[in-house]
Protein backbone atom coordinates (compact mmCIF):
# COMPACT_ATOMS: atom_id res chain seq x y z
CA MET A 1 -4.07 -21.04 -3.23
CA LYS A 2 -0.14 -21.89 -3.53
CA LYS A 3 1.33 -19.74 -0.73
CA SER A 4 4.07 -17.41 -1.94
CA LYS A 5 6.11 -14.55 -0.04
CA TRP A 6 4.60 -10.94 0.14
CA LEU A 7 6.70 -8.07 0.08
CA VAL A 8 7.17 -4.45 -0.44
CA SER A 9 10.74 -4.11 -2.30
CA LEU A 10 12.62 -1.43 -1.11
CA THR A 11 13.27 -0.41 -4.54
CA SER A 12 15.00 3.35 -5.01
CA LEU A 13 15.34 5.56 -8.04
CA ALA A 14 18.74 4.73 -8.59
CA LEU A 15 18.73 0.82 -7.70
CA ALA A 16 16.01 -0.97 -9.45
CA THR A 17 15.51 -3.70 -7.13
CA LEU A 18 16.86 -4.66 -3.19
CA LEU A 19 16.12 -8.33 -1.59
CA LEU A 20 13.75 -8.79 0.64
CA THR A 21 12.71 -11.74 2.99
CA ALA A 22 8.75 -11.27 4.56
CA CYS A 23 8.63 -12.43 7.72
CA GLY A 24 8.16 -16.27 8.18
CA SER A 25 10.31 -17.17 4.85
CA ASN A 26 12.81 -19.38 4.97
CA LYS A 27 13.03 -19.47 1.31
CA LYS A 28 15.57 -18.18 -1.20
CA GLU A 29 15.02 -14.35 -1.25
CA GLU A 30 13.26 -12.78 -4.06
CA THR A 31 13.23 -9.55 -5.90
CA THR A 32 10.69 -7.15 -7.27
CA LYS A 33 11.55 -6.30 -10.85
CA LYS A 34 10.61 -2.28 -11.77
CA SER A 35 8.37 -2.69 -14.95
CA THR A 36 9.52 0.41 -17.23
CA GLU A 37 7.44 -1.30 -19.90
CA SER A 38 4.11 -1.15 -17.58
CA SER A 39 4.49 2.74 -16.68
CA VAL A 40 0.97 3.98 -17.19
CA VAL A 41 2.13 7.39 -17.30
CA GLU A 42 1.65 8.92 -20.35
CA LYS A 43 3.84 11.86 -22.25
CA GLU A 44 0.99 13.03 -24.05
CA VAL A 45 -1.10 13.24 -21.27
CA ASP A 46 -1.46 16.54 -19.21
CA LEU A 47 -0.76 15.46 -15.98
CA ASN A 48 -1.58 18.71 -14.22
CA SER A 49 -4.75 18.52 -15.87
CA LEU A 50 -5.78 14.98 -13.44
CA GLU A 51 -7.96 14.27 -10.91
CA LEU A 52 -5.82 13.94 -7.53
CA PRO A 53 -8.28 12.34 -5.33
CA GLN A 54 -5.26 11.70 -2.79
CA LEU A 55 -4.71 15.25 -2.17
CA SER A 56 -8.06 15.99 -0.52
CA LYS A 57 -9.70 15.18 2.75
CA GLU A 58 -13.04 15.51 1.83
CA VAL A 59 -14.86 11.97 0.54
CA ALA A 60 -16.34 12.06 -2.56
CA ALA A 61 -19.90 10.00 -3.30
CA ASP A 62 -17.53 7.56 -5.38
CA GLU A 63 -15.56 6.97 -2.52
CA ASP A 64 -15.47 4.37 -0.14
CA LEU A 65 -14.08 5.13 3.56
CA VAL A 66 -13.45 2.80 6.39
CA GLU A 67 -11.79 2.91 9.93
CA MET A 68 -9.17 0.77 11.17
CA ILE A 69 -9.73 0.07 14.68
CA THR A 70 -6.03 -1.05 15.74
CA THR A 71 -4.50 -1.83 19.24
CA GLU A 72 -2.55 1.82 18.76
CA GLY A 73 -5.62 3.27 17.82
CA ASN A 74 -8.04 4.18 14.78
CA VAL A 75 -7.23 5.39 11.37
CA LYS A 76 -9.77 6.52 8.87
CA ILE A 77 -8.89 5.54 4.92
CA LYS A 78 -10.87 6.87 1.91
CA LEU A 79 -10.64 4.16 -0.83
CA PHE A 80 -10.87 4.53 -4.69
CA PRO A 81 -12.81 1.95 -6.23
CA LYS A 82 -13.33 4.16 -9.95
CA LEU A 83 -9.33 3.84 -10.30
CA ALA A 84 -8.22 0.87 -8.33
CA PRO A 85 -11.85 -1.51 -8.22
CA LYS A 86 -10.27 -5.06 -7.95
CA ALA A 87 -8.11 -4.05 -4.91
CA VAL A 88 -11.10 -2.09 -3.70
CA GLU A 89 -13.49 -4.71 -3.92
CA ASN A 90 -10.94 -7.21 -1.98
CA PHE A 91 -10.30 -5.05 0.90
CA MET A 92 -13.98 -3.82 1.35
CA THR A 93 -15.30 -7.29 1.02
CA HIS A 94 -12.92 -9.05 3.32
CA ALA A 95 -13.46 -5.95 5.86
CA LYS A 96 -17.20 -6.58 5.71
CA GLU A 97 -16.61 -10.20 6.48
CA GLY A 98 -13.95 -10.01 9.42
CA TYR A 99 -10.93 -11.43 7.32
CA TYR A 100 -8.67 -8.63 8.88
CA ASN A 101 -10.07 -8.72 12.49
CA ASN A 102 -7.33 -9.59 14.75
CA VAL A 103 -5.03 -9.83 12.18
CA SER A 104 -1.23 -8.40 12.94
CA PHE A 105 0.75 -5.74 11.31
CA HIS A 106 3.54 -8.76 10.74
CA ARG A 107 6.07 -6.29 9.25
CA VAL A 108 6.74 -2.73 9.91
CA ILE A 109 9.66 0.10 9.23
CA LYS A 110 10.33 3.01 9.92
CA ASP A 111 10.27 5.58 7.25
CA PHE A 112 8.81 3.62 4.87
CA MET A 113 5.53 1.70 5.61
CA ILE A 114 3.41 -0.91 7.95
CA GLN A 115 2.17 -3.93 6.38
CA GLY A 116 -0.33 -6.71 7.71
CA GLY A 117 -3.47 -8.44 5.97
CA ASP A 118 -2.07 -12.04 6.25
CA PRO A 119 -4.25 -13.74 8.78
CA ASP A 120 -1.38 -16.23 9.10
CA GLY A 121 0.46 -13.30 10.63
CA THR A 122 3.84 -14.52 8.97
CA GLY A 123 4.13 -12.56 5.91
CA MET A 124 3.29 -15.77 3.70
CA GLY A 125 -0.14 -15.96 4.46
CA GLY A 126 -3.74 -14.38 2.76
CA GLU A 127 -6.09 -14.68 -0.11
CA SER A 128 -8.01 -12.51 -2.44
CA ILE A 129 -11.79 -12.75 -2.47
CA TRP A 130 -11.23 -14.69 -5.77
CA LYS A 131 -9.37 -17.70 -4.09
CA GLU A 132 -6.54 -16.32 -6.01
CA GLU A 133 -4.10 -14.11 -6.93
CA PHE A 134 -4.79 -10.72 -9.40
CA ALA A 135 -2.75 -8.25 -11.07
CA PRO A 136 -2.00 -4.99 -10.07
CA GLU A 137 -4.01 -1.94 -10.96
CA ILE A 138 -1.97 1.32 -12.01
CA SER A 139 -2.97 4.88 -12.11
CA ASN A 140 -0.99 7.44 -12.91
CA GLN A 141 -4.09 9.48 -10.65
CA LEU A 142 -2.65 7.56 -7.64
CA TYR A 143 1.12 7.81 -5.95
CA HIS A 144 3.29 6.61 -3.04
CA ILE A 145 2.38 9.97 -0.95
CA ASN A 146 2.34 9.64 3.14
CA GLY A 147 -0.64 7.80 4.02
CA ALA A 148 -0.87 5.96 0.71
CA LEU A 149 -2.73 2.33 1.24
CA ALA A 150 -1.30 -0.10 -1.40
CA VAL A 151 -1.41 -3.89 -2.22
CA ALA A 152 1.48 -5.82 -1.04
CA ARG A 153 2.45 -8.75 -3.88
CA SER A 154 4.49 -11.25 -4.47
CA ALA A 155 7.80 -10.96 -7.00
CA GLY A 156 6.55 -10.86 -10.36
CA ASP A 157 5.72 -8.57 -13.29
CA ILE A 158 3.34 -5.81 -12.97
CA THR A 159 0.98 -7.77 -15.25
CA GLN A 160 1.26 -10.69 -13.60
CA LYS A 161 -1.61 -11.82 -10.96
CA THR A 162 0.64 -11.34 -7.90
CA GLN A 163 -1.46 -9.95 -5.63
CA GLY A 164 -3.78 -11.75 -2.53
CA SER A 165 -5.13 -10.08 1.06
CA GLN A 166 -1.88 -8.38 2.15
CA PHE A 167 -1.45 -4.25 2.27
CA TYR A 168 0.42 -1.41 3.42
CA ILE A 169 0.22 2.17 4.12
CA VAL A 170 3.34 4.30 3.91
CA SER A 171 4.91 6.24 6.60
CA ASN A 172 7.70 8.31 5.83
CA HIS A 173 8.06 12.18 6.60
CA ASP A 174 11.10 12.97 4.30
CA ASP A 175 11.18 15.31 1.75
CA GLN A 176 11.01 13.29 -1.22
CA GLU A 177 11.57 15.98 -3.68
CA ASP A 178 15.15 15.52 -5.85
CA GLY A 179 14.54 16.82 -9.03
CA MET A 180 13.98 13.49 -10.69
CA LEU A 181 9.88 13.35 -10.43
CA SER A 182 9.15 16.35 -12.80
CA GLU A 183 9.14 14.56 -15.93
CA ASP A 184 6.46 12.06 -14.88
CA TYR A 185 4.55 13.44 -12.00
CA PRO A 186 1.61 16.62 -11.67
CA ASP A 187 2.93 19.19 -9.92
CA LYS A 188 0.61 19.02 -7.26
CA ILE A 189 2.24 15.49 -6.15
CA ILE A 190 5.95 16.42 -6.31
CA GLU A 191 4.94 19.44 -4.18
CA THR A 192 3.17 16.90 -2.03
CA TYR A 193 6.09 14.39 -1.91
CA LYS A 194 7.93 17.21 0.21
CA ASN A 195 6.38 16.29 2.59
CA GLY A 196 7.00 12.54 2.55
CA GLY A 197 6.35 9.32 0.88
CA ARG A 198 7.79 6.91 -1.28
CA PRO A 199 8.42 7.57 -5.32
CA ASP A 200 10.23 4.96 -5.58
CA LEU A 201 7.42 2.42 -4.94
CA ASP A 202 5.20 4.01 -7.60
CA PHE A 203 3.72 2.55 -10.94
CA ASN A 204 4.88 -1.06 -9.09
CA TYR A 205 2.42 -1.48 -6.46
CA SER A 206 -1.76 -0.87 -6.63
CA VAL A 207 -2.25 2.27 -4.44
CA PHE A 208 -6.08 1.75 -3.68
CA GLY A 209 -6.81 4.39 -0.65
CA GLN A 210 -5.28 7.27 1.59
CA VAL A 211 -5.37 7.65 5.08
CA ILE A 212 -7.52 11.27 5.66
CA GLU A 213 -7.15 10.82 9.64
CA GLY A 214 -4.99 8.78 12.43
CA GLN A 215 -1.63 9.04 10.10
CA ASP A 216 0.12 9.56 13.45
CA VAL A 217 -1.12 6.02 14.56
CA VAL A 218 0.28 4.79 11.30
CA ASP A 219 3.28 6.44 12.21
CA LYS A 220 3.20 5.13 15.91
CA ILE A 221 2.89 1.67 14.54
CA ALA A 222 6.20 2.13 12.01
CA ASN A 223 8.05 3.23 15.47
CA VAL A 224 7.76 0.42 17.37
CA GLU A 225 10.25 -1.92 18.46
CA THR A 226 11.08 -4.74 15.56
CA GLY A 227 12.87 -7.54 15.85
CA GLU A 228 14.14 -10.34 12.81
CA GLN A 229 12.66 -9.78 9.48
CA ASP A 230 10.95 -6.21 10.76
CA LYS A 231 8.59 -7.79 12.68
CA PRO A 232 7.33 -6.30 15.78
CA VAL A 233 8.34 -7.26 19.31
CA LYS A 234 5.59 -6.56 20.87
CA GLU A 235 2.05 -7.75 18.28
CA VAL A 236 0.08 -4.85 17.16
CA LYS A 237 -2.86 -5.88 15.67
CA ILE A 238 -6.05 -4.79 13.70
CA LYS A 239 -9.17 -5.04 15.53
CA GLU A 240 -11.34 -4.43 13.26
CA ILE A 241 -11.83 -2.63 9.72
CA LYS A 242 -15.61 -0.79 9.89
CA ILE A 243 -17.18 0.52 6.71
CA LEU A 244 -18.45 4.11 7.34
CA GLN A 245 -19.57 4.67 3.24
CA GLU A 246 -19.87 2.47 0.39
CA ALA A 247 -19.37 4.31 -3.20
CA LYS A 248 -22.67 4.92 -4.78
């Protein structure tokens, strides 16, 4: 697979794009373009009637549950195969096969996210279970609230195949409800964003899971000392990812 630069763009509601460089990259910085054309939030849909599975810590029969064992502690995450089937299949298959074992979090940013899933540990590697990149799956039932698990991707339109093996977990406890979310967001999500998250990433990256236990561990990792290109000075690793439940 052709290796490309994997990144999570620090886009904001005011600025469409901001340049970032993934760890280990010597190439020209790339941007992730906010795609307004591909937004799946349809105005005619009653957003407040939608099921919002991230808001419940209960694990439904049609959800997967994994435990990420890291050098800093354990994190339990439920996954949503009905809403992001390819992202979940990719992650679960890699987890079962030990693909993520002893892989580091190669990029962490305080009050933003922790990123891993690259066996090379550079931010340039990793591939999907299909040996090729796959396109994002965007849902108006999944958002970048604190603790959201999503797929990192290379630069390109939301309709393009830009995803491999890398992922990130949101770590931000700052109030994100600024009066700009009400038009396109369910009321309960707006309320949840008061407890943190990154709404500026919504509809640009595939959210496919949610931390239900161990957010303190995610935050601990997000606060470690980092060096060049946000790489932890002291390596933080995923020892393994255990499968606790598979969706029925």
